[in-house]
């Protein structure tokens, strides 16, 4: 028997594929953000979050506050 698909059935199939892909993508983002063991810091995984120098940041804030107070 020849399988004939109507345009409506093809549209439903494409929508289902896109919805499944979107669900997979969001699920992957969620998994990597909360459960991945190889990432440090944040969900981006670039490692920049773990290299923040708090002392340098504090000095920058203090210098900016001193400049503002001196004006």
C-alpha atoms as a PDB file:
ATOM      1  CA  UNK A   1       0.000   0.000   0.000  1.00  0.00           C
ATOM      2  CA  UNK A   2       1.344   3.385  -0.959  1.00  0.00           C
ATOM      3  CA  UNK A   3       1.746   5.817   1.929  1.00  0.00           C
ATOM      4  CA  UNK A   4       0.359   9.191   0.951  1.00  0.00           C
ATOM      5  CA  UNK A   5       0.859  12.115   3.288  1.00  0.00           C
ATOM      6  CA  UNK A   6      -1.224  15.224   3.027  1.00  0.00           C
ATOM      7  CA  UNK A   7       0.256  18.659   3.504  1.00  0.00           C
ATOM      8  CA  UNK A   8      -1.500  18.919   6.878  1.00  0.00           C
ATOM      9  CA  UNK A   9       0.149  15.713   8.109  1.00  0.00           C
ATOM     10  CA  UNK A  10       3.540  16.948   6.927  1.00  0.00           C
ATOM     11  CA  UNK A  11       2.989  20.211   8.801  1.00  0.00           C
ATOM     12  CA  UNK A  12       2.088  18.342  11.990  1.00  0.00           C
ATOM     13  CA  UNK A  13       5.203  16.193  11.607  1.00  0.00           C
ATOM     14  CA  UNK A  14       7.445  19.244  11.151  1.00  0.00           C
ATOM     15  CA  UNK A  15       5.884  20.967  14.161  1.00  0.00           C
ATOM     16  CA  UNK A  16       6.428  17.842  16.271  1.00  0.00           C
ATOM     17  CA  UNK A  17      10.079  17.642  15.167  1.00  0.00           C
ATOM     18  CA  UNK A  18      10.655  21.330  15.976  1.00  0.00           C
ATOM     19  CA  UNK A  19       8.946  21.009  19.370  1.00  0.00           C
ATOM     20  CA  UNK A  20      11.012  17.920  20.233  1.00  0.00           C
ATOM     21  CA  UNK A  21      14.199  19.723  19.190  1.00  0.00           C
ATOM     22  CA  UNK A  22      13.334  22.756  21.293  1.00  0.00           C
ATOM     23  CA  UNK A  23      12.533  20.568  24.304  1.00  0.00           C
ATOM     24  CA  UNK A  24      15.850  18.734  23.892  1.00  0.00           C
ATOM     25  CA  UNK A  25      17.763  22.028  23.637  1.00  0.00           C
ATOM     26  CA  UNK A  26      16.146  23.553  26.739  1.00  0.00           C
ATOM     27  CA  UNK A  27      16.593  20.306  28.651  1.00  0.00           C
ATOM     28  CA  UNK A  28      20.269  20.224  27.682  1.00  0.00           C
ATOM     29  CA  UNK A  29      20.755  23.812  28.854  1.00  0.00           C
ATOM     30  CA  UNK A  30      19.059  22.981  32.151  1.00  0.00           C
ATOM     31  CA  UNK A  31      21.146  19.842  32.638  1.00  0.00           C
ATOM     32  CA  UNK A  32      24.425  21.581  31.868  1.00  0.00           C
ATOM     33  CA  UNK A  33      23.578  24.527  34.129  1.00  0.00           C
ATOM     34  CA  UNK A  34      22.744  22.469  37.200  1.00  0.00           C
ATOM     35  CA  UNK A  35      24.161  18.979  36.919  1.00  0.00           C
ATOM     36  CA  UNK A  36      27.268  19.020  34.718  1.00  0.00           C
ATOM     37  CA  UNK A  37      30.371  18.075  36.672  1.00  0.00           C
ATOM     38  CA  UNK A  38      32.961  19.443  34.250  1.00  0.00           C
ATOM     39  CA  UNK A  39      31.893  23.098  34.417  1.00  0.00           C
ATOM     40  CA  UNK A  40      32.919  25.556  37.066  1.00  0.00           C
ATOM     41  CA  UNK A  41      31.058  28.718  37.852  1.00  0.00           C
ATOM     42  CA  UNK A  42      28.142  29.358  35.565  1.00  0.00           C
ATOM     43  CA  UNK A  43      26.170  27.843  32.712  1.00  0.00           C
ATOM     44  CA  UNK A  44      28.360  29.388  30.010  1.00  0.00           C
ATOM     45  CA  UNK A  45      31.194  27.016  30.828  1.00  0.00           C
ATOM     46  CA  UNK A  46      33.948  29.343  29.646  1.00  0.00           C
ATOM     47  CA  UNK A  47      35.607  29.486  33.057  1.00  0.00           C
ATOM     48  CA  UNK A  48      35.541  33.281  33.258  1.00  0.00           C
ATOM     49  CA  UNK A  49      33.288  33.257  36.305  1.00  0.00           C
ATOM     50  CA  UNK A  50      35.818  31.379  38.393  1.00  0.00           C
ATOM     51  CA  UNK A  51      38.603  33.849  37.569  1.00  0.00           C
ATOM     52  CA  UNK A  52      36.968  36.902  39.136  1.00  0.00           C
ATOM     53  CA  UNK A  53      39.433  38.664  41.427  1.00  0.00           C
ATOM     54  CA  UNK A  54      37.334  40.004  44.301  1.00  0.00           C
ATOM     55  CA  UNK A  55      40.157  42.109  45.755  1.00  0.00           C
ATOM     56  CA  UNK A  56      40.778  43.820  42.416  1.00  0.00           C
ATOM     57  CA  UNK A  57      37.073  44.444  42.008  1.00  0.00           C
ATOM     58  CA  UNK A  58      36.909  46.011  45.484  1.00  0.00           C
ATOM     59  CA  UNK A  59      39.869  48.286  44.682  1.00  0.00           C
ATOM     60  CA  UNK A  60      38.177  49.384  41.458  1.00  0.00           C
ATOM     61  CA  UNK A  61      34.999  50.248  43.338  1.00  0.00           C
ATOM     62  CA  UNK A  62      36.939  52.188  45.957  1.00  0.00           C
ATOM     63  CA  UNK A  63      38.854  54.160  43.300  1.00  0.00           C
ATOM     64  CA  UNK A  64      35.627  55.023  41.489  1.00  0.00           C
ATOM     65  CA  UNK A  65      34.001  56.112  44.755  1.00  0.00           C
ATOM     66  CA  UNK A  66      37.040  58.283  45.599  1.00  0.00           C
ATOM     67  CA  UNK A  67      36.899  59.942  42.177  1.00  0.00           C
ATOM     68  CA  UNK A  68      33.198  60.642  42.564  1.00  0.00           C
ATOM     69  CA  UNK A  69      33.694  62.070  46.067  1.00  0.00           C
ATOM     70  CA  UNK A  70      36.573  64.251  44.846  1.00  0.00           C
ATOM     71  CA  UNK A  71      34.512  65.956  42.143  1.00  0.00           C
END
